[in-house]
Amino acid sequence: MSRVLVTGSTGYVGSRLVPVLLEAGHEVLAATRDEEALEDYPWGAQVEARRFDITDEELVAKAVEGADAVVYLVHSMASGEFVRKDREAAERVARAAEAAGVGRIVYLSGLIPPGELSDHLRSRAEVEQVFLDASVPATVLRAAMIVGSGSTSFELLRRLSDRLPITPVPSWMKRRLQPVSVEDVVTVLAAAIDGEPRNRAYDLGADEVLSYPDLLARYAKVAGLRRWRPMVPGVPMWVVGRASALLTGMPRGTVVALAESLSHDMVCGEDDVRRELVPGHTFLGLDEAIARSLGTSGGTSRVGDVQAAAPTDPA
């Protein structure tokens, strides 16, 4: 059993991960800017609050003191300088973890496709490299779209589908992706805390690979919506990002960054995570993952109360 510092503990992934770690017998140190915010969660009284501000070197150092492992769920897309800020934040955590004698870092990243990367994906790649190059062993989990209530990328898809009977899809967006449910992400994150530390990255996806237009169609089917998705050639990426932000009411910088990422195939290049971290685990099917995100599934969540998640993801 370990003392695990969870950054982004009140985010949509972190708030689901904390009760799983507690159930496994770990002691959880919940990193947060606002300690009172932990009172809103069923597990709030079972964790040790650690004041945390990723821009404050001293607070970061104090937060990691006594931790055996750090789960890093911090990522920003809102600021124009987020690539630099995210890299510097990771460097602070890596230095603090080394000084405190932390045994491992677990980082939730994104799939990194070949070729020229958008700023969003380049930032993920730079942060994971910071951790992999540090002296503390780091397990990096690279997920594409995470399907679950609160996920920024899934929330964008949901709002577009719910609000637009006709959803034009740019031809450059007809890329393949390999979604994974937030339940499965949490399961793998928890597994990465156990066993021998592994200093490597793992691609993380469920069983199904499909195009973004097909994913829109699957969401509409599960949600009981009738939608038309005509393919539209020649639409610039920046137009799509800004229009989507306006239609969904989500931050423009975040939506533009996500739109840029959709110009790449986001498919796992290997499946070592299934053999090394979660052997025998059955990943949730896409339709069931969507149904759970909408609260329409007859099944129960494997990670507790999904309504406890924050509305946006920190990772």
Protein backbone atom coordinates (compact mmCIF):
# COMPACT_ATOMS: atom_id res chain seq x y z
CA MET A 1 0.00 0.00 0.00
CA SER A 2 1.28 3.44 -0.92
CA ARG A 3 0.82 7.10 -0.09
CA VAL A 4 -0.37 8.50 -3.42
CA LEU A 5 -0.49 12.19 -4.27
CA VAL A 6 -3.23 12.80 -6.84
CA THR A 7 -2.94 16.10 -8.67
CA GLY A 8 -6.17 17.27 -10.27
CA SER A 9 -7.95 15.34 -7.52
CA THR A 10 -11.27 17.13 -8.07
CA GLY A 11 -11.14 16.87 -11.87
CA TYR A 12 -13.20 14.41 -13.85
CA VAL A 13 -10.48 11.73 -13.86
CA GLY A 14 -8.99 12.47 -10.46
CA SER A 15 -12.32 12.47 -8.62
CA ARG A 16 -13.02 9.00 -10.00
CA LEU A 17 -9.52 7.72 -9.28
CA VAL A 18 -9.40 8.74 -5.61
CA PRO A 19 -12.13 6.33 -4.37
CA VAL A 20 -10.59 3.46 -6.35
CA LEU A 21 -7.21 4.06 -4.69
CA LEU A 22 -8.86 4.28 -1.26
CA GLU A 23 -10.72 1.03 -1.84
CA ALA A 24 -7.42 -0.63 -2.77
CA GLY A 25 -6.02 0.41 0.60
CA HIS A 26 -3.81 3.29 -0.51
CA GLU A 27 -3.51 6.49 1.48
CA VAL A 28 -4.48 9.38 -0.78
CA LEU A 29 -2.99 12.86 -0.62
CA ALA A 30 -5.40 15.07 -2.56
CA ALA A 31 -3.66 18.01 -4.19
CA THR A 32 -5.97 21.01 -4.44
CA ARG A 33 -5.94 24.79 -4.48
CA ASP A 34 -9.10 24.88 -2.36
CA GLU A 35 -9.19 22.42 0.54
CA GLU A 36 -12.87 23.17 1.18
CA ALA A 37 -13.70 21.89 -2.31
CA LEU A 38 -12.90 18.37 -1.13
CA GLU A 39 -15.95 18.50 1.14
CA ASP A 40 -18.16 18.24 -1.96
CA TYR A 41 -16.96 14.67 -2.62
CA PRO A 42 -18.05 11.52 -0.79
CA TRP A 43 -14.41 10.63 -0.19
CA GLY A 44 -13.39 14.10 1.03
CA ALA A 45 -13.04 13.10 4.69
CA GLN A 46 -10.94 10.04 3.82
CA VAL A 47 -8.03 11.88 2.19
CA GLU A 48 -5.29 14.20 3.36
CA ALA A 49 -5.56 17.58 1.65
CA ARG A 50 -2.38 19.05 0.22
CA ARG A 51 -2.35 22.66 -0.94
CA PHE A 52 -1.15 22.70 -4.51
CA ASP A 53 -0.44 25.31 -7.15
CA ILE A 54 1.48 24.04 -10.13
CA THR A 55 3.11 27.46 -10.64
CA ASP A 56 4.45 27.63 -7.06
CA GLU A 57 7.72 25.71 -6.60
CA GLU A 58 7.47 25.77 -2.80
CA LEU A 59 3.89 24.46 -2.70
CA VAL A 60 4.74 21.72 -5.18
CA ALA A 61 7.69 20.63 -3.02
CA LYS A 62 5.54 20.54 0.13
CA ALA A 63 2.75 18.66 -1.63
CA VAL A 64 4.96 15.74 -2.67
CA GLU A 65 6.62 15.33 0.75
CA GLY A 66 6.06 11.81 2.07
CA ALA A 67 4.44 10.55 -1.14
CA ASP A 68 5.41 7.17 -2.56
CA ALA A 69 3.77 7.93 -5.91
CA VAL A 70 2.48 10.98 -7.78
CA VAL A 71 -0.39 10.77 -10.26
CA TYR A 72 -0.09 13.75 -12.60
CA LEU A 73 -3.38 14.84 -14.16
CA VAL A 74 -2.53 18.42 -15.02
CA HIS A 75 -2.86 19.87 -18.50
CA SER A 76 -3.96 23.22 -19.90
CA MET A 77 -5.16 24.33 -23.32
CA ALA A 78 -6.64 27.71 -22.47
CA SER A 79 -3.53 29.91 -22.36
CA GLY A 80 -1.62 31.03 -25.42
CA GLU A 81 1.58 29.97 -23.67
CA PHE A 82 0.34 26.64 -22.38
CA VAL A 83 3.08 24.62 -24.11
CA ARG A 84 5.81 26.39 -22.17
CA LYS A 85 3.80 26.55 -18.95
CA ASP A 86 2.95 22.85 -19.02
CA ARG A 87 6.58 21.90 -19.63
CA GLU A 88 7.78 24.11 -16.76
CA ALA A 89 5.07 22.70 -14.47
CA ALA A 90 6.20 19.14 -15.21
CA GLU A 91 9.80 20.12 -14.52
CA ARG A 92 8.81 21.49 -11.09
CA VAL A 93 7.03 18.25 -10.21
CA ALA A 94 9.91 16.11 -11.46
CA ARG A 95 12.44 18.08 -9.39
CA ALA A 96 10.25 17.97 -6.29
CA ALA A 97 9.60 14.24 -6.68
CA GLU A 98 13.34 13.54 -6.97
CA ALA A 99 14.14 15.65 -3.91
CA ALA A 100 11.38 13.98 -1.86
CA GLY A 101 12.39 10.43 -2.83
CA VAL A 102 9.11 9.64 -4.60
CA GLY A 103 9.12 6.12 -6.02
CA ARG A 104 7.14 6.69 -9.21
CA ILE A 105 5.18 9.19 -11.29
CA VAL A 106 2.11 8.21 -13.31
CA TYR A 107 1.14 10.68 -16.05
CA LEU A 108 -2.04 10.64 -18.11
CA SER A 109 -1.00 11.87 -21.55
CA GLY A 110 -2.49 11.67 -25.02
CA LEU A 111 -1.72 9.47 -28.01
CA ILE A 112 1.20 10.93 -29.96
CA PRO A 113 0.79 10.41 -33.73
CA PRO A 114 3.72 10.61 -36.16
CA GLY A 115 4.38 13.77 -38.14
CA GLU A 116 3.93 17.44 -37.29
CA LEU A 117 2.00 17.90 -34.06
CA SER A 118 -0.52 20.50 -32.98
CA ASP A 119 0.46 22.59 -29.94
CA HIS A 120 -1.90 20.49 -27.83
CA LEU A 121 -0.20 17.21 -28.76
CA ARG A 122 3.29 18.70 -28.72
CA SER A 123 2.68 19.85 -25.16
CA ARG A 124 1.67 16.33 -24.13
CA ALA A 125 4.78 14.91 -25.77
CA GLU A 126 7.07 17.44 -24.07
CA VAL A 127 5.59 16.82 -20.63
CA GLU A 128 5.91 13.05 -20.87
CA GLN A 129 9.50 13.42 -22.03
CA VAL A 130 10.27 15.55 -18.97
CA PHE A 131 9.01 12.75 -16.74
CA LEU A 132 10.65 9.93 -18.69
CA ASP A 133 14.01 11.74 -18.60
CA ALA A 134 13.82 12.41 -14.85
CA SER A 135 15.42 10.18 -12.23
CA VAL A 136 12.05 9.08 -10.79
CA PRO A 137 10.55 6.21 -12.84
CA ALA A 138 7.52 7.40 -14.81
CA THR A 139 4.64 5.44 -16.28
CA VAL A 140 2.99 7.42 -19.08
CA LEU A 141 -0.49 6.42 -20.28
CA ARG A 142 -1.35 7.79 -23.72
CA ALA A 143 -5.10 7.94 -24.30
CA ALA A 144 -6.98 9.32 -27.28
CA MET A 145 -10.53 10.53 -26.65
CA ILE A 146 -11.74 9.61 -23.16
CA VAL A 147 -15.47 8.83 -23.18
CA GLY A 148 -17.14 10.00 -20.00
CA SER A 149 -19.10 12.86 -18.51
CA GLY A 150 -16.70 15.73 -17.88
CA SER A 151 -14.11 14.87 -20.52
CA THR A 152 -13.41 18.02 -22.54
CA SER A 153 -13.13 16.22 -25.88
CA PHE A 154 -16.24 14.14 -25.22
CA GLU A 155 -18.15 17.20 -23.97
CA LEU A 156 -17.34 18.96 -27.25
CA LEU A 157 -18.71 16.01 -29.24
CA ARG A 158 -21.80 15.84 -27.01
CA ARG A 159 -22.67 19.51 -27.27
CA LEU A 160 -22.19 19.61 -31.03
CA SER A 161 -24.40 16.55 -31.46
CA ASP A 162 -27.09 17.72 -29.05
CA ARG A 163 -27.33 21.25 -30.44
CA LEU A 164 -26.95 20.75 -34.21
CA PRO A 165 -29.49 18.66 -36.17
CA ILE A 166 -27.11 19.10 -39.12
CA THR A 167 -23.45 18.70 -38.19
CA PRO A 168 -21.10 19.55 -41.08
CA VAL A 169 -17.88 17.53 -40.86
CA PRO A 170 -14.75 18.86 -42.63
CA SER A 171 -13.19 16.25 -44.90
CA TRP A 172 -9.83 16.56 -43.09
CA MET A 173 -11.54 15.39 -39.89
CA LYS A 174 -12.27 11.94 -41.30
CA ARG A 175 -9.50 10.42 -39.23
CA ARG A 176 -9.42 7.21 -37.22
CA LEU A 177 -9.45 7.25 -33.45
CA GLN A 178 -9.56 4.68 -30.66
CA PRO A 179 -11.70 5.95 -27.76
CA VAL A 180 -11.50 4.58 -24.24
CA SER A 181 -13.95 4.93 -21.35
CA VAL A 182 -13.05 6.97 -18.29
CA GLU A 183 -13.76 3.84 -16.22
CA ASP A 184 -11.00 1.97 -18.05
CA VAL A 185 -8.61 4.90 -17.79
CA VAL A 186 -9.08 4.92 -14.02
CA THR A 187 -8.56 1.15 -13.85
CA VAL A 188 -5.24 1.41 -15.68
CA LEU A 189 -4.10 4.43 -13.67
CA ALA A 190 -4.72 2.51 -10.46
CA ALA A 191 -2.87 -0.53 -11.84
CA ALA A 192 0.14 1.65 -12.66
CA ILE A 193 0.53 2.41 -8.95
CA ASP A 194 1.12 -1.27 -8.16
CA GLY A 195 3.97 -3.59 -9.13
CA GLU A 196 7.44 -2.61 -10.22
CA PRO A 197 7.84 0.98 -11.51
CA ARG A 198 8.12 1.04 -15.30
CA ASN A 199 9.82 3.97 -16.96
CA ARG A 200 7.99 3.89 -20.28
CA ALA A 201 4.91 5.07 -22.18
CA TYR A 202 1.88 2.90 -22.98
CA ASP A 203 -0.78 3.52 -25.61
CA LEU A 204 -4.24 3.20 -24.10
CA GLY A 205 -7.40 2.52 -26.12
CA ALA A 206 -10.42 0.24 -26.02
CA ASP A 207 -11.19 -2.40 -28.65
CA GLU A 208 -12.88 -0.31 -31.34
CA VAL A 209 -11.28 1.96 -33.96
CA LEU A 210 -13.54 4.28 -35.97
CA SER A 211 -13.60 7.65 -37.73
CA TYR A 212 -14.72 10.85 -36.03
CA PRO A 213 -17.87 11.07 -38.21
CA ASP A 214 -18.67 7.48 -37.23
CA LEU A 215 -18.18 8.38 -33.59
CA LEU A 216 -20.66 11.24 -34.01
CA ALA A 217 -23.10 8.75 -35.51
CA ARG A 218 -22.63 6.29 -32.64
CA TYR A 219 -23.23 9.03 -30.08
CA ALA A 220 -26.42 10.10 -31.87
CA LYS A 221 -27.66 6.51 -31.99
CA VAL A 222 -27.08 5.87 -28.28
CA ALA A 223 -28.54 9.28 -27.35
CA GLY A 224 -31.62 8.69 -29.52
CA LEU A 225 -30.93 11.63 -31.86
CA ARG A 226 -31.59 11.91 -35.59
CA ARG A 227 -28.67 13.82 -37.10
CA TRP A 228 -27.27 14.49 -40.57
CA ARG A 229 -23.49 14.78 -40.95
CA PRO A 230 -22.57 16.00 -44.46
CA MET A 231 -18.87 16.01 -45.37
CA VAL A 232 -17.65 19.51 -46.23
CA PRO A 233 -14.37 19.97 -48.15
CA GLY A 234 -12.04 22.93 -47.89
CA VAL A 235 -13.01 24.30 -44.46
CA PRO A 236 -9.96 25.76 -42.67
CA MET A 237 -9.10 24.29 -39.29
CA TRP A 238 -9.26 27.63 -37.49
CA VAL A 239 -12.78 28.25 -38.77
CA VAL A 240 -13.93 24.88 -37.42
CA GLY A 241 -12.36 25.54 -34.04
CA ARG A 242 -13.85 29.00 -33.60
CA ALA A 243 -17.27 28.03 -34.88
CA SER A 244 -17.38 24.98 -32.62
CA ALA A 245 -16.40 27.10 -29.61
CA LEU A 246 -19.19 29.57 -30.38
CA LEU A 247 -21.79 26.82 -30.81
CA THR A 248 -20.83 24.86 -27.71
CA GLY A 249 -20.01 27.73 -25.35
CA MET A 250 -16.64 26.17 -24.54
CA PRO A 251 -13.35 28.15 -24.33
CA ARG A 252 -12.12 28.99 -27.81
CA GLY A 253 -8.48 28.13 -27.14
CA THR A 254 -9.44 24.71 -25.83
CA VAL A 255 -11.75 23.92 -28.74
CA VAL A 256 -9.26 25.12 -31.37
CA ALA A 257 -6.55 22.92 -29.81
CA LEU A 258 -8.85 19.89 -29.85
CA ALA A 259 -9.91 20.56 -33.45
CA GLU A 260 -6.27 20.66 -34.52
CA SER A 261 -5.72 17.27 -32.90
CA LEU A 262 -8.52 15.77 -35.00
CA SER A 263 -6.41 16.19 -38.13
CA HIS A 264 -4.36 13.17 -36.98
CA ASP A 265 -5.17 9.48 -36.70
CA MET A 266 -5.32 8.76 -32.95
CA VAL A 267 -4.87 5.00 -32.84
CA CYS A 268 -2.75 2.87 -30.49
CA GLY A 269 0.54 1.68 -31.94
CA GLU A 270 0.94 -1.11 -29.37
CA ASP A 271 -1.16 -2.84 -26.71
CA ASP A 272 1.44 -3.68 -24.05
CA VAL A 273 -0.77 -2.09 -21.39
CA ARG A 274 -3.13 -5.08 -21.65
CA ARG A 275 -0.36 -7.59 -20.94
CA GLU A 276 1.78 -5.67 -18.47
CA LEU A 277 -0.62 -3.52 -16.43
CA VAL A 278 -4.15 -4.99 -16.70
CA PRO A 279 -3.86 -8.59 -17.93
CA GLY A 280 -7.27 -10.18 -18.36
CA HIS A 281 -9.11 -6.87 -18.10
CA THR A 282 -12.12 -6.44 -20.41
CA PHE A 283 -12.48 -2.94 -21.78
CA LEU A 284 -15.90 -1.31 -21.83
CA GLY A 285 -17.63 -1.26 -25.24
CA LEU A 286 -18.13 2.11 -26.93
CA ASP A 287 -21.93 2.11 -26.83
CA GLU A 288 -21.95 1.22 -23.13
CA ALA A 289 -19.34 3.91 -22.40
CA ILE A 290 -21.48 6.52 -24.15
CA ALA A 291 -24.63 5.31 -22.37
CA ARG A 292 -22.92 5.58 -18.99
CA SER A 293 -21.75 9.09 -19.79
CA LEU A 294 -25.39 10.02 -20.45
CA GLY A 295 -26.68 8.19 -17.38
CA THR A 296 -28.82 5.91 -19.55
CA SER A 297 -27.01 2.63 -18.94
CA GLY A 298 -28.60 -0.10 -16.90
CA GLY A 299 -25.14 -1.01 -15.59
CA THR A 300 -23.37 0.58 -12.68
CA SER A 301 -20.16 2.55 -12.88
CA ARG A 302 -17.05 0.61 -11.92
CA VAL A 303 -15.50 3.71 -10.38
CA GLY A 304 -18.20 5.03 -8.11
CA ASP A 305 -20.34 8.12 -8.35
CA VAL A 306 -19.81 9.65 -11.79
CA GLN A 307 -21.77 12.73 -10.75
CA ALA A 308 -18.86 13.66 -8.48
CA ALA A 309 -16.75 14.65 -11.48
CA ALA A 310 -15.87 18.24 -12.23
CA PRO A 311 -17.23 19.70 -15.49
CA THR A 312 -13.87 19.98 -17.22
CA ASP A 313 -10.82 17.77 -17.24
CA PRO A 314 -7.43 18.88 -15.94
CA ALA A 315 -5.57 16.34 -17.98
